C-alpha cells in the first residue's frame, strides 16, 4: 500500500509544487484556510500519517503494528529546491505512508514507514491535489486499486467524527462491540534499516577532476549502485545529483554519512527517497 493519508501535508506540498512557494509560506496558507492547526506538529512531522499507516498495515497484513513501529519523517525540511529538483526529474514530492510485506532475514515481515518521497508524475498518486487523500493498493488477486477523497477541512473531518459516533451508538444500543482487530498472521515488523528503497542525493562538491569517481566509489563501498547522476558547475564548486538503485536503507544511510565526511564534499544539501518506480 502506498498512500497520501494526511490532507494538510498534501496541501502544503501541492502548493510548493504548483507555485514554487517555500514550506513556511505554504503552511501559513494552509492555516488560513483551516487545513492546518495553529500547532501543526502532528501533521507536518508525520505523527498523524504514522498512526494511520499503523492502522492500514494492521488491517492489510493481519498483524499488530503500532505507531511506534512505523519509521516517521515529516515535511518541515522539504525545501523549494527539493520540489524543483523533483520537477526536473518529472516527479512530484508527496508525504507517503508505505506498508508492505517483504522478505526479512527470518521470513516475511511487515515494513511500514512514513516520509516525503519523489514519485513519477505518471503515478496515480501524483495527481492527488490540494487537501485530498488517496491510498493506492496492489494485491495479487485484485491488481491495482485506488481509494480517493477529501483529507482535511471542517466538513470532511466532521463527517468522519460523526460516523464514528453513530457506529459507537449503534453498538451500544445493540449491546455489541466493534469488529476486533485481526492479527492471526502475526508477522514481525521489519526495521527501517533493512527496508529496501532508493535515494535522491544532492551534493555540493569541489569542481575538479576525479570528484565524480570518488563519489561513485563511496556508493560502491557500501554496496549501492547508481542509477543516474547529473552535474552542474557553480564556479569553483559543482552540484552532483545522484539517484541510486534499490538498496537497504542502512546501506544508503551509511553512504550519505560517508559522503559528509569526504574532503571534496562541501555539503550534502538534500536527501530524499524515490518511490513508485521500478529499477
Foldseek 3Di string as FASTA:
>chain_A
DKKQQQLLQQQQQQCCQPPVDWSVVSNVVCVVQQQADPPRCCRQQFVVVLQVLQVVQLQVVLAHGGSVLEATGGCNLPTSVNQVVLVVVQWGKGFIWDWDWDQDPVGIAIETYTDIAIEHCPDPVVPQHHRKMKDWDADDPPGIDMDIDGNGDDPVVVVVVVVVVVVVVVCVVVVHDDDDGGRVVHHHYDDQQQDKFKKKWKFKFFPDPPPVVVLCVLLVVLPWAWDDWDWDDDVRIIIIITITAIDGPNSVVSSQVVLCPDPGTPDGSDMHTHDDDHD
